[in-house]
Amino acid sequence: MSVNQAQSIRHSYDYQVYKLTVIYLPYCQSDSESQASPNHD
């Protein structure tokens, strides 16, 4: 495996983690808040 391939895979993995964090972290926060009050989007 070349260095460029390794960097590409690492970047891809980091992006997947970042994307999941961006999607699910606010979702979990808003989900816990929505139980106390209606969610106004």
PDB file of N, CA and C in Angstrom:
ATOM      1  N   MET A   1       0.851  -1.205   0.000  1.00  0.00           N
ATOM      2  CA  MET A   1       0.000   0.000   0.000  1.00  0.00           C
ATOM      3  C   MET A   1       0.881   1.247   0.000  1.00  0.00           C
ATOM      4  N   SER A   2       0.561   2.168  -0.866  1.00  0.00           N
ATOM      5  CA  SER A   2       1.355   3.393  -0.943  1.00  0.00           C
ATOM      6  C   SER A   2       0.951   4.355   0.170  1.00  0.00           C
ATOM      7  N   VAL A   3       1.796   5.331   0.407  1.00  0.00           N
ATOM      8  CA  VAL A   3       1.515   6.331   1.432  1.00  0.00           C
ATOM      9  C   VAL A   3       0.264   7.115   1.057  1.00  0.00           C
ATOM     10  N   ASN A   4       0.123   7.410  -0.235  1.00  0.00           N
ATOM     11  CA  ASN A   4      -1.030   8.184  -0.687  1.00  0.00           C
ATOM     12  C   ASN A   4      -2.330   7.429  -0.426  1.00  0.00           C
ATOM     13  N   GLN A   5      -2.316   6.119  -0.654  1.00  0.00           N
ATOM     14  CA  GLN A   5      -3.507   5.314  -0.392  1.00  0.00           C
ATOM     15  C   GLN A   5      -3.845   5.308   1.095  1.00  0.00           C
ATOM     16  N   ALA A   6      -2.820   5.188   1.930  1.00  0.00           N
ATOM     17  CA  ALA A   6      -3.030   5.166   3.376  1.00  0.00           C
ATOM     18  C   ALA A   6      -3.629   6.486   3.841  1.00  0.00           C
ATOM     19  N   GLN A   7      -3.130   7.589   3.322  1.00  0.00           N
ATOM     20  CA  GLN A   7      -3.649   8.900   3.695  1.00  0.00           C
ATOM     21  C   GLN A   7      -5.086   9.054   3.218  1.00  0.00           C
ATOM     22  N   SER A   8      -5.371   8.537   2.040  1.00  0.00           N
ATOM     23  CA  SER A   8      -6.718   8.634   1.494  1.00  0.00           C
ATOM     24  C   SER A   8      -7.704   7.856   2.362  1.00  0.00           C
ATOM     25  N   ILE A   9      -7.311   6.663   2.774  1.00  0.00           N
ATOM     26  CA  ILE A   9      -8.174   5.840   3.621  1.00  0.00           C
ATOM     27  C   ILE A   9      -8.368   6.503   4.978  1.00  0.00           C
ATOM     28  N   ARG A  10      -7.300   7.054   5.537  1.00  0.00           N
ATOM     29  CA  ARG A  10      -7.393   7.736   6.826  1.00  0.00           C
ATOM     30  C   ARG A  10      -8.319   8.939   6.706  1.00  0.00           C
ATOM     31  N   HIS A  11      -8.167   9.697   5.636  1.00  0.00           N
ATOM     32  CA  HIS A  11      -9.015  10.868   5.427  1.00  0.00           C
ATOM     33  C   HIS A  11     -10.473  10.436   5.284  1.00  0.00           C
ATOM     34  N   SER A  12     -10.687   9.369   4.568  1.00  0.00           N
ATOM     35  CA  SER A  12     -12.038   8.859   4.375  1.00  0.00           C
ATOM     36  C   SER A  12     -12.643   8.430   5.705  1.00  0.00           C
ATOM     37  N   TYR A  13     -11.840   7.738   6.515  1.00  0.00           N
ATOM     38  CA  TYR A  13     -12.306   7.282   7.826  1.00  0.00           C
ATOM     39  C   TYR A  13     -12.609   8.467   8.727  1.00  0.00           C
ATOM     40  N   ASP A  14     -11.715   9.439   8.761  1.00  0.00           N
ATOM     41  CA  ASP A  14     -11.927  10.630   9.586  1.00  0.00           C
ATOM     42  C   ASP A  14     -13.187  11.364   9.151  1.00  0.00           C
ATOM     43  N   TYR A  15     -13.423  11.388   7.847  1.00  0.00           N
ATOM     44  CA  TYR A  15     -14.609  12.071   7.332  1.00  0.00           C
ATOM     45  C   TYR A  15     -15.880  11.339   7.744  1.00  0.00           C
ATOM     46  N   GLN A  16     -15.838  10.016   7.707  1.00  0.00           N
ATOM     47  CA  GLN A  16     -16.999   9.231   8.129  1.00  0.00           C
ATOM     48  C   GLN A  16     -17.322   9.497   9.591  1.00  0.00           C
ATOM     49  N   VAL A  17     -16.299   9.508  10.432  1.00  0.00           N
ATOM     50  CA  VAL A  17     -16.489   9.772  11.862  1.00  0.00           C
ATOM     51  C   VAL A  17     -17.025  11.180  12.065  1.00  0.00           C
ATOM     52  N   TYR A  18     -16.443  12.126  11.330  1.00  0.00           N
ATOM     53  CA  TYR A  18     -16.886  13.523  11.427  1.00  0.00           C
ATOM     54  C   TYR A  18     -18.347  13.648  11.021  1.00  0.00           C
ATOM     55  N   LYS A  19     -18.698  12.993   9.912  1.00  0.00           N
ATOM     56  CA  LYS A  19     -20.063  13.081   9.401  1.00  0.00           C
ATOM     57  C   LYS A  19     -21.045  12.461  10.395  1.00  0.00           C
ATOM     58  N   LEU A  20     -20.686  11.310  10.951  1.00  0.00           N
ATOM     59  CA  LEU A  20     -21.555  10.668  11.932  1.00  0.00           C
ATOM     60  C   LEU A  20     -21.707  11.531  13.175  1.00  0.00           C
ATOM     61  N   THR A  21     -20.612  12.170  13.579  1.00  0.00           N
ATOM     62  CA  THR A  21     -20.658  13.037  14.758  1.00  0.00           C
ATOM     63  C   THR A  21     -21.583  14.218  14.509  1.00  0.00           C
ATOM     64  N   VAL A  22     -21.460  14.817  13.338  1.00  0.00           N
ATOM     65  CA  VAL A  22     -22.278  15.982  12.995  1.00  0.00           C
ATOM     66  C   VAL A  22     -23.755  15.599  12.912  1.00  0.00           C
ATOM     67  N   ILE A  23     -24.027  14.396  12.421  1.00  0.00           N
ATOM     68  CA  ILE A  23     -25.413  13.960  12.253  1.00  0.00           C
ATOM     69  C   ILE A  23     -26.018  13.538  13.591  1.00  0.00           C
ATOM     70  N   TYR A  24     -25.299  12.708  14.338  1.00  0.00           N
ATOM     71  CA  TYR A  24     -25.901  12.065  15.501  1.00  0.00           C
ATOM     72  C   TYR A  24     -25.780  12.868  16.783  1.00  0.00           C
ATOM     73  N   LEU A  25     -24.716  13.665  16.922  1.00  0.00           N
ATOM     74  CA  LEU A  25     -24.547  14.413  18.165  1.00  0.00           C
ATOM     75  C   LEU A  25     -25.665  15.431  18.370  1.00  0.00           C
ATOM     76  N   PRO A  26     -25.964  16.272  17.380  1.00  0.00           N
ATOM     77  CA  PRO A  26     -27.097  17.194  17.530  1.00  0.00           C
ATOM     78  C   PRO A  26     -28.425  16.440  17.666  1.00  0.00           C
ATOM     79  N   TYR A  27     -28.535  15.293  17.007  1.00  0.00           N
ATOM     80  CA  TYR A  27     -29.765  14.502  17.087  1.00  0.00           C
ATOM     81  C   TYR A  27     -29.989  14.020  18.513  1.00  0.00           C
ATOM     82  N   CYS A  28     -28.939  13.534  19.154  1.00  0.00           N
ATOM     83  CA  CYS A  28     -29.058  13.058  20.531  1.00  0.00           C
ATOM     84  C   CYS A  28     -29.385  14.209  21.467  1.00  0.00           C
ATOM     85  N   GLN A  29     -28.766  15.343  21.241  1.00  0.00           N
ATOM     86  CA  GLN A  29     -29.007  16.503  22.091  1.00  0.00           C
ATOM     87  C   GLN A  29     -30.444  16.991  21.925  1.00  0.00           C
ATOM     88  N   SER A  30     -30.896  17.123  20.691  1.00  0.00           N
ATOM     89  CA  SER A  30     -32.249  17.616  20.437  1.00  0.00           C
ATOM     90  C   SER A  30     -33.283  16.585  20.891  1.00  0.00           C
ATOM     91  N   ASP A  31     -32.918  15.306  20.834  1.00  0.00           N
ATOM     92  CA  ASP A  31     -33.838  14.260  21.258  1.00  0.00           C
ATOM     93  C   ASP A  31     -34.085  14.344  22.760  1.00  0.00           C
ATOM     94  N   SER A  32     -33.037  14.577  23.526  1.00  0.00           N
ATOM     95  CA  SER A  32     -33.186  14.682  24.974  1.00  0.00           C
ATOM     96  C   SER A  32     -33.927  15.960  25.345  1.00  0.00           C
ATOM     97  N   GLU A  33     -33.734  17.005  24.565  1.00  0.00           N
ATOM     98  CA  GLU A  33     -34.404  18.274  24.832  1.00  0.00           C
ATOM     99  C   GLU A  33     -35.883  18.207  24.437  1.00  0.00           C
ATOM    100  N   SER A  34     -36.177  17.478  23.377  1.00  0.00           N
ATOM    101  CA  SER A  34     -37.547  17.432  22.869  1.00  0.00           C
ATOM    102  C   SER A  34     -38.477  16.717  23.845  1.00  0.00           C
ATOM    103  N   GLN A  35     -37.923  15.928  24.746  1.00  0.00           N
ATOM    104  CA  GLN A  35     -38.750  15.258  25.745  1.00  0.00           C
ATOM    105  C   GLN A  35     -39.280  16.261  26.768  1.00  0.00           C
ATOM    106  N   ALA A  36     -38.542  17.350  26.959  1.00  0.00           N
ATOM    107  CA  ALA A  36     -38.947  18.365  27.930  1.00  0.00           C
ATOM    108  C   ALA A  36     -39.851  19.407  27.278  1.00  0.00           C
ATOM    109  N   SER A  37     -39.584  19.702  26.012  1.00  0.00           N
ATOM    110  CA  SER A  37     -40.371  20.718  25.316  1.00  0.00           C
ATOM    111  C   SER A  37     -40.480  20.362  23.838  1.00  0.00           C
ATOM    112  N   PRO A  38     -41.515  20.854  23.150  1.00  0.00           N
ATOM    113  CA  PRO A  38     -41.670  20.587  21.714  1.00  0.00           C
ATOM    114  C   PRO A  38     -40.473  21.097  20.931  1.00  0.00           C
ATOM    115  N   ASN A  39     -40.119  20.360  19.887  1.00  0.00           N
ATOM    116  CA  ASN A  39     -38.950  20.735  19.100  1.00  0.00           C
ATOM    117  C   ASN A  39     -39.363  21.697  17.994  1.00  0.00           C
ATOM    118  N   HIS A  40     -38.929  22.944  18.075  1.00  0.00           N
ATOM    119  CA  HIS A  40     -39.204  23.926  17.031  1.00  0.00           C
ATOM    120  C   HIS A  40     -38.034  23.968  16.074  1.00  0.00           C
ATOM    121  N   ASP A  41     -38.262  23.539  14.860  1.00  0.00           N
ATOM    122  CA  ASP A  41     -37.163  23.413  13.913  1.00  0.00           C
ATOM    123  C   ASP A  41     -36.950  24.708  13.149  1.00  0.00           C
TER     124      ASP A  41
END
